[in-house]
Amino acid sequence: MVNGAGGTYLELTDDSYAQLSLESIVAADPDKIIVTEFQKSDGAKSRDRVLRDPRLKNVTAIRNGAVMIADYTTSIRGSLALADLCEDVAEFVHPDLFPAS
């Protein structure tokens, strides 16, 4: 989805699924971070928690507030909500291509 939106998915492991350590995120210093959460109801609270984590304070994405929370179930389910998520990711990756409404 990230690659399809014109971004570069940062693979820090060859595993099909890996929970990234804070150290690996700091070392990679991404411009943007997308966090998937399983059955969490308050994305704003989760985003705020990531942005306020003092261990991440020097990461470019954190300094720029470029953190998105995505529902994991939506990202794998294949429902119509997946199209909305793809658009949300594209707008997050390239906000300049989505004029403000």
PDB file of N, CA and C in Angstrom:
ATOM      1  N   MET A   1       0.826  -1.181   0.000  1.00  0.00           N
ATOM      2  CA  MET A   1       0.000   0.000   0.000  1.00  0.00           C
ATOM      3  C   MET A   1       0.878   1.255   0.000  1.00  0.00           C
ATOM      4  N   VAL A   2       1.920   1.266   0.805  1.00  0.00           N
ATOM      5  CA  VAL A   2       2.827   2.420   0.860  1.00  0.00           C
ATOM      6  C   VAL A   2       3.517   2.609  -0.488  1.00  0.00           C
ATOM      7  N   ASN A   3       4.030   1.520  -1.049  1.00  0.00           N
ATOM      8  CA  ASN A   3       4.683   1.612  -2.357  1.00  0.00           C
ATOM      9  C   ASN A   3       3.705   2.070  -3.430  1.00  0.00           C
ATOM     10  N   GLY A   4       2.490   1.566  -3.389  1.00  0.00           N
ATOM     11  CA  GLY A   4       1.467   1.953  -4.348  1.00  0.00           C
ATOM     12  C   GLY A   4       1.094   3.420  -4.260  1.00  0.00           C
ATOM     13  N   ALA A   5       1.292   4.003  -3.076  1.00  0.00           N
ATOM     14  CA  ALA A   5       0.987   5.420  -2.868  1.00  0.00           C
ATOM     15  C   ALA A   5       2.169   6.309  -3.224  1.00  0.00           C
ATOM     16  N   GLY A   6       3.252   5.693  -3.687  1.00  0.00           N
ATOM     17  CA  GLY A   6       4.416   6.480  -4.081  1.00  0.00           C
ATOM     18  C   GLY A   6       5.448   6.645  -2.991  1.00  0.00           C
ATOM     19  N   GLY A   7       5.256   5.950  -1.881  1.00  0.00           N
ATOM     20  CA  GLY A   7       6.232   6.000  -0.797  1.00  0.00           C
ATOM     21  C   GLY A   7       7.187   4.837  -0.906  1.00  0.00           C
ATOM     22  N   THR A   8       8.100   4.756   0.031  1.00  0.00           N
ATOM     23  CA  THR A   8       9.048   3.648   0.090  1.00  0.00           C
ATOM     24  C   THR A   8       8.851   2.934   1.414  1.00  0.00           C
ATOM     25  N   TYR A   9       8.436   1.693   1.328  1.00  0.00           N
ATOM     26  CA  TYR A   9       8.248   0.881   2.524  1.00  0.00           C
ATOM     27  C   TYR A   9       9.612   0.463   3.032  1.00  0.00           C
ATOM     28  N   LEU A  10       9.899   0.788   4.263  1.00  0.00           N
ATOM     29  CA  LEU A  10      11.198   0.497   4.859  1.00  0.00           C
ATOM     30  C   LEU A  10      11.156  -0.890   5.474  1.00  0.00           C
ATOM     31  N   GLU A  11      11.869  -1.826   4.887  1.00  0.00           N
ATOM     32  CA  GLU A  11      11.924  -3.183   5.414  1.00  0.00           C
ATOM     33  C   GLU A  11      13.173  -3.342   6.257  1.00  0.00           C
ATOM     34  N   LEU A  12      12.969  -3.565   7.531  1.00  0.00           N
ATOM     35  CA  LEU A  12      14.101  -3.723   8.438  1.00  0.00           C
ATOM     36  C   LEU A  12      14.378  -5.182   8.767  1.00  0.00           C
ATOM     37  N   THR A  13      13.577  -6.080   8.195  1.00  0.00           N
ATOM     38  CA  THR A  13      13.756  -7.508   8.431  1.00  0.00           C
ATOM     39  C   THR A  13      13.205  -8.278   7.241  1.00  0.00           C
ATOM     40  N   ASP A  14      13.629  -9.527   7.077  1.00  0.00           N
ATOM     41  CA  ASP A  14      13.107 -10.390   6.019  1.00  0.00           C
ATOM     42  C   ASP A  14      11.856 -11.141   6.457  1.00  0.00           C
ATOM     43  N   ASP A  15      11.500 -11.042   7.742  1.00  0.00           N
ATOM     44  CA  ASP A  15      10.316 -11.726   8.255  1.00  0.00           C
ATOM     45  C   ASP A  15       9.069 -11.151   7.606  1.00  0.00           C
ATOM     46  N   SER A  16       8.040 -11.996   7.439  1.00  0.00           N
ATOM     47  CA  SER A  16       6.798 -11.513   6.830  1.00  0.00           C
ATOM     48  C   SER A  16       6.061 -10.549   7.749  1.00  0.00           C
ATOM     49  N   TYR A  17       6.258 -10.660   9.038  1.00  0.00           N
ATOM     50  CA  TYR A  17       5.692  -9.716   9.992  1.00  0.00           C
ATOM     51  C   TYR A  17       6.694  -9.542  11.114  1.00  0.00           C
ATOM     52  N   ALA A  18       6.939  -8.306  11.472  1.00  0.00           N
ATOM     53  CA  ALA A  18       7.867  -8.050  12.577  1.00  0.00           C
ATOM     54  C   ALA A  18       7.410  -6.811  13.316  1.00  0.00           C
ATOM     55  N   GLN A  19       7.416  -6.900  14.620  1.00  0.00           N
ATOM     56  CA  GLN A  19       7.164  -5.723  15.431  1.00  0.00           C
ATOM     57  C   GLN A  19       8.511  -5.021  15.566  1.00  0.00           C
ATOM     58  N   LEU A  20       8.591  -3.796  15.070  1.00  0.00           N
ATOM     59  CA  LEU A  20       9.864  -3.094  15.052  1.00  0.00           C
ATOM     60  C   LEU A  20      10.227  -2.572  16.430  1.00  0.00           C
ATOM     61  N   SER A  21      11.476  -2.676  16.753  1.00  0.00           N
ATOM     62  CA  SER A  21      11.940  -2.128  18.022  1.00  0.00           C
ATOM     63  C   SER A  21      12.105  -0.621  17.883  1.00  0.00           C
ATOM     64  N   LEU A  22      12.062   0.066  19.007  1.00  0.00           N
ATOM     65  CA  LEU A  22      12.292   1.510  18.989  1.00  0.00           C
ATOM     66  C   LEU A  22      13.687   1.819  18.458  1.00  0.00           C
ATOM     67  N   GLU A  23      14.641   0.983  18.793  1.00  0.00           N
ATOM     68  CA  GLU A  23      16.010   1.201  18.339  1.00  0.00           C
ATOM     69  C   GLU A  23      16.109   1.146  16.821  1.00  0.00           C
ATOM     70  N   SER A  24      15.387   0.197  16.196  1.00  0.00           N
ATOM     71  CA  SER A  24      15.446   0.082  14.736  1.00  0.00           C
ATOM     72  C   SER A  24      14.758   1.271  14.069  1.00  0.00           C
ATOM     73  N   ILE A  25      13.714   1.801  14.683  1.00  0.00           N
ATOM     74  CA  ILE A  25      13.039   2.987  14.142  1.00  0.00           C
ATOM     75  C   ILE A  25      13.953   4.201  14.245  1.00  0.00           C
ATOM     76  N   VAL A  26      14.607   4.369  15.381  1.00  0.00           N
ATOM     77  CA  VAL A  26      15.537   5.486  15.569  1.00  0.00           C
ATOM     78  C   VAL A  26      16.675   5.386  14.557  1.00  0.00           C
ATOM     79  N   ALA A  27      17.221   4.202  14.381  1.00  0.00           N
ATOM     80  CA  ALA A  27      18.337   4.012  13.446  1.00  0.00           C
ATOM     81  C   ALA A  27      17.919   4.287  12.005  1.00  0.00           C
ATOM     82  N   ALA A  28      16.699   3.912  11.631  1.00  0.00           N
ATOM     83  CA  ALA A  28      16.219   4.119  10.257  1.00  0.00           C
ATOM     84  C   ALA A  28      15.850   5.574   9.999  1.00  0.00           C
ATOM     85  N   ASP A  29      15.446   6.298  11.042  1.00  0.00           N
ATOM     86  CA  ASP A  29      15.063   7.712  10.954  1.00  0.00           C
ATOM     87  C   ASP A  29      14.113   8.001   9.782  1.00  0.00           C
ATOM     88  N   PRO A  30      12.929   7.372   9.784  1.00  0.00           N
ATOM     89  CA  PRO A  30      11.992   7.572   8.669  1.00  0.00           C
ATOM     90  C   PRO A  30      11.395   8.979   8.653  1.00  0.00           C
ATOM     91  N   ASP A  31      10.990   9.414   7.463  1.00  0.00           N
ATOM     92  CA  ASP A  31      10.323  10.709   7.296  1.00  0.00           C
ATOM     93  C   ASP A  31       8.875  10.646   7.768  1.00  0.00           C
ATOM     94  N   LYS A  32       8.264   9.480   7.628  1.00  0.00           N
ATOM     95  CA  LYS A  32       6.872   9.284   8.021  1.00  0.00           C
ATOM     96  C   LYS A  32       6.738   7.900   8.635  1.00  0.00           C
ATOM     97  N   ILE A  33       5.793   7.771   9.551  1.00  0.00           N
ATOM     98  CA  ILE A  33       5.557   6.490  10.223  1.00  0.00           C
ATOM     99  C   ILE A  33       4.075   6.181  10.155  1.00  0.00           C
ATOM    100  N   ILE A  34       3.752   4.964   9.730  1.00  0.00           N
ATOM    101  CA  ILE A  34       2.380   4.468   9.771  1.00  0.00           C
ATOM    102  C   ILE A  34       2.364   3.307  10.749  1.00  0.00           C
ATOM    103  N   VAL A  35       1.540   3.436  11.777  1.00  0.00           N
ATOM    104  CA  VAL A  35       1.400   2.404  12.798  1.00  0.00           C
ATOM    105  C   VAL A  35       0.067   1.705  12.569  1.00  0.00           C
ATOM    106  N   THR A  36       0.087   0.380  12.514  1.00  0.00           N
ATOM    107  CA  THR A  36      -1.174  -0.355  12.445  1.00  0.00           C
ATOM    108  C   THR A  36      -1.508  -0.857  13.833  1.00  0.00           C
ATOM    109  N   GLU A  37      -2.770  -0.729  14.170  1.00  0.00           N
ATOM    110  CA  GLU A  37      -3.237  -1.211  15.473  1.00  0.00           C
ATOM    111  C   GLU A  37      -4.401  -2.155  15.260  1.00  0.00           C
ATOM    112  N   PHE A  38      -4.428  -3.180  16.040  1.00  0.00           N
ATOM    113  CA  PHE A  38      -5.491  -4.176  15.957  1.00  0.00           C
ATOM    114  C   PHE A  38      -6.573  -3.859  16.980  1.00  0.00           C
ATOM    115  N   GLN A  39      -7.750  -3.559  16.488  1.00  0.00           N
ATOM    116  CA  GLN A  39      -8.943  -3.321  17.305  1.00  0.00           C
ATOM    117  C   GLN A  39      -8.737  -2.245  18.376  1.00  0.00           C
ATOM    118  N   LYS A  40      -8.077  -1.185  18.009  1.00  0.00           N
ATOM    119  CA  LYS A  40      -7.942  -0.038  18.918  1.00  0.00           C
ATOM    120  C   LYS A  40      -8.981   0.992  18.501  1.00  0.00           C
ATOM    121  N   SER A  41      -9.568   1.670  19.465  1.00  0.00           N
ATOM    122  CA  SER A  41     -10.652   2.579  19.121  1.00  0.00           C
ATOM    123  C   SER A  41     -10.242   4.047  19.117  1.00  0.00           C
ATOM    124  N   ASP A  42      -9.092   4.385  19.679  1.00  0.00           N
ATOM    125  CA  ASP A  42      -8.725   5.784  19.774  1.00  0.00           C
ATOM    126  C   ASP A  42      -7.389   6.044  19.089  1.00  0.00           C
ATOM    127  N   GLY A  43      -7.454   6.239  17.764  1.00  0.00           N
ATOM    128  CA  GLY A  43      -6.250   6.471  16.985  1.00  0.00           C
ATOM    129  C   GLY A  43      -5.537   7.747  17.385  1.00  0.00           C
ATOM    130  N   ALA A  44      -6.287   8.786  17.753  1.00  0.00           N
ATOM    131  CA  ALA A  44      -5.673  10.055  18.151  1.00  0.00           C
ATOM    132  C   ALA A  44      -4.832   9.877  19.413  1.00  0.00           C
ATOM    133  N   LYS A  45      -5.342   9.100  20.349  1.00  0.00           N
ATOM    134  CA  LYS A  45      -4.601   8.851  21.591  1.00  0.00           C
ATOM    135  C   LYS A  45      -3.335   8.041  21.299  1.00  0.00           C
ATOM    136  N   SER A  46      -3.448   7.061  20.418  1.00  0.00           N
ATOM    137  CA  SER A  46      -2.287   6.242  20.047  1.00  0.00           C
ATOM    138  C   SER A  46      -1.240   7.078  19.327  1.00  0.00           C
ATOM    139  N   ARG A  47      -1.686   7.931  18.416  1.00  0.00           N
ATOM    140  CA  ARG A  47      -0.775   8.810  17.680  1.00  0.00           C
ATOM    141  C   ARG A  47      -0.040   9.732  18.650  1.00  0.00           C
ATOM    142  N   ASP A  48      -0.770  10.297  19.574  1.00  0.00           N
ATOM    143  CA  ASP A  48      -0.184  11.195  20.564  1.00  0.00           C
ATOM    144  C   ASP A  48       0.860  10.461  21.411  1.00  0.00           C
ATOM    145  N   ARG A  49       0.571   9.222  21.770  1.00  0.00           N
ATOM    146  CA  ARG A  49       1.504   8.423  22.570  1.00  0.00           C
ATOM    147  C   ARG A  49       2.817   8.209  21.809  1.00  0.00           C
ATOM    148  N   VAL A  50       2.716   7.940  20.507  1.00  0.00           N
ATOM    149  CA  VAL A  50       3.922   7.747  19.690  1.00  0.00           C
ATOM    150  C   VAL A  50       4.688   9.065  19.581  1.00  0.00           C
ATOM    151  N   LEU A  51       3.974  10.150  19.318  1.00  0.00           N
ATOM    152  CA  LEU A  51       4.624  11.451  19.163  1.00  0.00           C
ATOM    153  C   LEU A  51       5.303  11.935  20.439  1.00  0.00           C
ATOM    154  N   ARG A  52       4.787  11.536  21.587  1.00  0.00           N
ATOM    155  CA  ARG A  52       5.341  11.997  22.864  1.00  0.00           C
ATOM    156  C   ARG A  52       6.385  11.053  23.465  1.00  0.00           C
ATOM    157  N   ASP A  53       6.657   9.953  22.806  1.00  0.00           N
ATOM    158  CA  ASP A  53       7.632   9.006  23.349  1.00  0.00           C
ATOM    159  C   ASP A  53       9.020   9.646  23.298  1.00  0.00           C
ATOM    160  N   PRO A  54       9.628   9.891  24.447  1.00  0.00           N
ATOM    161  CA  PRO A  54      10.921  10.586  24.467  1.00  0.00           C
ATOM    162  C   PRO A  54      12.039   9.813  23.764  1.00  0.00           C
ATOM    163  N   ARG A  55      11.882   8.520  23.647  1.00  0.00           N
ATOM    164  CA  ARG A  55      12.920   7.724  22.979  1.00  0.00           C
ATOM    165  C   ARG A  55      12.933   7.955  21.473  1.00  0.00           C
ATOM    166  N   LEU A  56      11.837   8.522  20.931  1.00  0.00           N
ATOM    167  CA  LEU A  56      11.729   8.766  19.489  1.00  0.00           C
ATOM    168  C   LEU A  56      11.913  10.235  19.115  1.00  0.00           C
ATOM    169  N   LYS A  57      12.244  11.074  20.080  1.00  0.00           N
ATOM    170  CA  LYS A  57      12.231  12.524  19.865  1.00  0.00           C
ATOM    171  C   LYS A  57      13.147  13.009  18.745  1.00  0.00           C
ATOM    172  N   ASN A  58      14.188  12.268  18.392  1.00  0.00           N
ATOM    173  CA  ASN A  58      15.101  12.698  17.335  1.00  0.00           C
ATOM    174  C   ASN A  58      14.779  12.120  15.964  1.00  0.00           C
ATOM    175  N   VAL A  59      13.712  11.336  15.861  1.00  0.00           N
ATOM    176  CA  VAL A  59      13.299  10.747  14.594  1.00  0.00           C
ATOM    177  C   VAL A  59      12.590  11.828  13.761  1.00  0.00           C
ATOM    178  N   THR A  60      12.961  11.936  12.511  1.00  0.00           N
ATOM    179  CA  THR A  60      12.415  12.969  11.631  1.00  0.00           C
ATOM    180  C   THR A  60      10.890  12.967  11.624  1.00  0.00           C
ATOM    181  N   ALA A  61      10.276  11.804  11.492  1.00  0.00           N
ATOM    182  CA  ALA A  61       8.811  11.721  11.453  1.00  0.00           C
ATOM    183  C   ALA A  61       8.183  12.278  12.725  1.00  0.00           C
ATOM    184  N   ILE A  62       8.798  12.027  13.854  1.00  0.00           N
ATOM    185  CA  ILE A  62       8.272  12.506  15.134  1.00  0.00           C
ATOM    186  C   ILE A  62       8.424  14.021  15.220  1.00  0.00           C
ATOM    187  N   ARG A  63       9.593  14.533  14.860  1.00  0.00           N
ATOM    188  CA  ARG A  63       9.817  15.987  14.907  1.00  0.00           C
ATOM    189  C   ARG A  63       8.838  16.732  14.002  1.00  0.00           C
ATOM    190  N   ASN A  64       8.435  16.102  12.884  1.00  0.00           N
ATOM    191  CA  ASN A  64       7.519  16.734  11.934  1.00  0.00           C
ATOM    192  C   ASN A  64       6.057  16.372  12.170  1.00  0.00           C
ATOM    193  N   GLY A  65       5.795  15.549  13.175  1.00  0.00           N
ATOM    194  CA  GLY A  65       4.416  15.135  13.458  1.00  0.00           C
ATOM    195  C   GLY A  65       3.831  14.237  12.385  1.00  0.00           C
ATOM    196  N   ALA A  66       4.677  13.551  11.637  1.00  0.00           N
ATOM    197  CA  ALA A  66       4.238  12.733  10.506  1.00  0.00           C
ATOM    198  C   ALA A  66       4.019  11.279  10.932  1.00  0.00           C
ATOM    199  N   VAL A  67       2.979  11.075  11.721  1.00  0.00           N
ATOM    200  CA  VAL A  67       2.617   9.740  12.206  1.00  0.00           C
ATOM    201  C   VAL A  67       1.146   9.506  11.890  1.00  0.00           C
ATOM    202  N   MET A  68       0.858   8.373  11.283  1.00  0.00           N
ATOM    203  CA  MET A  68      -0.515   7.984  10.938  1.00  0.00           C
ATOM    204  C   MET A  68      -0.832   6.667  11.642  1.00  0.00           C
ATOM    205  N   ILE A  69      -2.035   6.563  12.181  1.00  0.00           N
ATOM    206  CA  ILE A  69      -2.502   5.307  12.779  1.00  0.00           C
ATOM    207  C   ILE A  69      -3.509   4.692  11.819  1.00  0.00           C
ATOM    208  N   ALA A  70      -3.301   3.435  11.460  1.00  0.00           N
ATOM    209  CA  ALA A  70      -4.202   2.719  10.558  1.00  0.00           C
ATOM    210  C   ALA A  70      -4.718   1.466  11.263  1.00  0.00           C
ATOM    211  N   ASP A  71      -5.975   1.154  11.033  1.00  0.00           N
ATOM    212  CA  ASP A  71      -6.564  -0.052  11.614  1.00  0.00           C
ATOM    213  C   ASP A  71      -6.044  -1.279  10.866  1.00  0.00           C
ATOM    214  N   TYR A  72      -5.434  -2.186  11.592  1.00  0.00           N
ATOM    215  CA  TYR A  72      -4.842  -3.378  10.993  1.00  0.00           C
ATOM    216  C   TYR A  72      -5.891  -4.227  10.268  1.00  0.00           C
ATOM    217  N   THR A  73      -7.032  -4.412  10.886  1.00  0.00           N
ATOM    218  CA  THR A  73      -8.071  -5.240  10.285  1.00  0.00           C
ATOM    219  C   THR A  73      -8.504  -4.682   8.932  1.00  0.00           C
ATOM    220  N   THR A  74      -8.668  -3.372   8.848  1.00  0.00           N
ATOM    221  CA  THR A  74      -9.040  -2.738   7.581  1.00  0.00           C
ATOM    222  C   THR A  74      -7.960  -2.975   6.532  1.00  0.00           C
ATOM    223  N   SER A  75      -6.706  -2.952   6.957  1.00  0.00           N
ATOM    224  CA  SER A  75      -5.608  -3.080   5.995  1.00  0.00           C
ATOM    225  C   SER A  75      -5.480  -4.480   5.403  1.00  0.00           C
ATOM    226  N   ILE A  76      -6.074  -5.483   6.031  1.00  0.00           N
ATOM    227  CA  ILE A  76      -5.952  -6.846   5.498  1.00  0.00           C
ATOM    228  C   ILE A  76      -7.281  -7.467   5.089  1.00  0.00           C
ATOM    229  N   ARG A  77      -8.397  -6.834   5.438  1.00  0.00           N
ATOM    230  CA  ARG A  77      -9.703  -7.459   5.262  1.00  0.00           C
ATOM    231  C   ARG A  77     -10.161  -7.532   3.813  1.00  0.00           C
ATOM    232  N   GLY A  78      -9.841  -6.556   2.995  1.00  0.00           N
ATOM    233  CA  GLY A  78     -10.284  -6.587   1.610  1.00  0.00           C
ATOM    234  C   GLY A  78     -11.688  -6.059   1.413  1.00  0.00           C
ATOM    235  N   SER A  79     -12.214  -5.327   2.373  1.00  0.00           N
ATOM    236  CA  SER A  79     -13.541  -4.745   2.232  1.00  0.00           C
ATOM    237  C   SER A  79     -13.446  -3.410   1.497  1.00  0.00           C
ATOM    238  N   LEU A  80     -14.590  -2.766   1.313  1.00  0.00           N
ATOM    239  CA  LEU A  80     -14.611  -1.452   0.668  1.00  0.00           C
ATOM    240  C   LEU A  80     -13.834  -0.414   1.471  1.00  0.00           C
ATOM    241  N   ALA A  81     -13.711  -0.621   2.775  1.00  0.00           N
ATOM    242  CA  ALA A  81     -12.950   0.308   3.609  1.00  0.00           C
ATOM    243  C   ALA A  81     -11.469   0.324   3.228  1.00  0.00           C
ATOM    244  N   LEU A  82     -11.011  -0.731   2.564  1.00  0.00           N
ATOM    245  CA  LEU A  82      -9.619  -0.790   2.135  1.00  0.00           C
ATOM    246  C   LEU A  82      -9.319   0.320   1.131  1.00  0.00           C
ATOM    247  N   ALA A  83     -10.262   0.622   0.260  1.00  0.00           N
ATOM    248  CA  ALA A  83     -10.067   1.709  -0.712  1.00  0.00           C
ATOM    249  C   ALA A  83      -9.895   3.044  -0.001  1.00  0.00           C
ATOM    250  N   ASP A  84     -10.686   3.268   1.034  1.00  0.00           N
ATOM    251  CA  ASP A  84     -10.546   4.503   1.812  1.00  0.00           C
ATOM    252  C   ASP A  84      -9.185   4.566   2.502  1.00  0.00           C
ATOM    253  N   LEU A  85      -8.741   3.436   3.032  1.00  0.00           N
ATOM    254  CA  LEU A  85      -7.441   3.393   3.685  1.00  0.00           C
ATOM    255  C   LEU A  85      -6.327   3.665   2.677  1.00  0.00           C
ATOM    256  N   CYS A  86      -6.430   3.100   1.487  1.00  0.00           N
ATOM    257  CA  CYS A  86      -5.424   3.360   0.440  1.00  0.00           C
ATOM    258  C   CYS A  86      -5.351   4.850   0.130  1.00  0.00           C
ATOM    259  N   GLU A  87      -6.495   5.497   0.040  1.00  0.00           N
ATOM    260  CA  GLU A  87      -6.521   6.934  -0.220  1.00  0.00           C
ATOM    261  C   GLU A  87      -5.916   7.711   0.955  1.00  0.00           C
ATOM    262  N   ASP A  88      -6.243   7.285   2.173  1.00  0.00           N
ATOM    263  CA  ASP A  88      -5.682   7.946   3.357  1.00  0.00           C
ATOM    264  C   ASP A  88      -4.154   7.830   3.376  1.00  0.00           C
ATOM    265  N   VAL A  89      -3.637   6.655   3.033  1.00  0.00           N
ATOM    266  CA  VAL A  89      -2.189   6.449   2.991  1.00  0.00           C
ATOM    267  C   VAL A  89      -1.571   7.319   1.896  1.00  0.00           C
ATOM    268  N   ALA A  90      -2.203   7.356   0.729  1.00  0.00           N
ATOM    269  CA  ALA A  90      -1.690   8.188  -0.372  1.00  0.00           C
ATOM    270  C   ALA A  90      -1.657   9.659   0.028  1.00  0.00           C
ATOM    271  N   GLU A  91      -2.688  10.126   0.697  1.00  0.00           N
ATOM    272  CA  GLU A  91      -2.718  11.518   1.142  1.00  0.00           C
ATOM    273  C   GLU A  91      -1.656  11.777   2.209  1.00  0.00           C
ATOM    274  N   PHE A  92      -1.426  10.819   3.075  1.00  0.00           N
ATOM    275  CA  PHE A  92      -0.399  10.949   4.102  1.00  0.00           C
ATOM    276  C   PHE A  92       0.993  11.009   3.475  1.00  0.00           C
ATOM    277  N   VAL A  93       1.231  10.158   2.476  1.00  0.00           N
ATOM    278  CA  VAL A  93       2.538  10.092   1.819  1.00  0.00           C
ATOM    279  C   VAL A  93       2.777  11.320   0.942  1.00  0.00           C
ATOM    280  N   HIS A  94       1.742  11.750   0.221  1.00  0.00           N
ATOM    281  CA  HIS A  94       1.857  12.882  -0.713  1.00  0.00           C
ATOM    282  C   HIS A  94       0.731  13.894  -0.488  1.00  0.00           C
ATOM    283  N   PRO A  95       0.738  14.615   0.613  1.00  0.00           N
ATOM    284  CA  PRO A  95      -0.348  15.563   0.892  1.00  0.00           C
ATOM    285  C   PRO A  95      -0.486  16.657  -0.161  1.00  0.00           C
ATOM    286  N   ASP A  96       0.601  16.948  -0.863  1.00  0.00           N
ATOM    287  CA  ASP A  96       0.576  17.983  -1.898  1.00  0.00           C
ATOM    288  C   ASP A  96      -0.313  17.595  -3.079  1.00  0.00           C
ATOM    289  N   LEU A  97      -0.611  16.319  -3.238  1.00  0.00           N
ATOM    290  CA  LEU A  97      -1.472  15.865  -4.343  1.00  0.00           C
ATOM    291  C   LEU A  97      -2.958  15.893  -3.977  1.00  0.00           C
ATOM    292  N   PHE A  98      -3.267  16.247  -2.741  1.00  0.00           N
ATOM    293  CA  PHE A  98      -4.640  16.267  -2.266  1.00  0.00           C
ATOM    294  C   PHE A  98      -4.968  17.675  -1.763  1.00  0.00           C
ATOM    295  N   PRO A  99      -5.550  18.487  -2.654  1.00  0.00           N
ATOM    296  CA  PRO A  99      -5.869  19.859  -2.231  1.00  0.00           C
ATOM    297  C   PRO A  99      -6.857  19.870  -1.053  1.00  0.00           C
ATOM    298  N   ALA A 100      -6.666  20.821  -0.165  1.00  0.00           N
ATOM    299  CA  ALA A 100      -7.544  20.938   1.010  1.00  0.00           C
ATOM    300  C   ALA A 100      -8.970  21.204   0.561  1.00  0.00           C
ATOM    301  N   SER A 101      -9.900  20.581   1.257  1.00  0.00           N
ATOM    302  CA  SER A 101     -11.321  20.762   0.911  1.00  0.00           C
ATOM    303  C   SER A 101     -11.884  21.982   1.593  1.00  0.00           C
TER     304      SER A 101
END
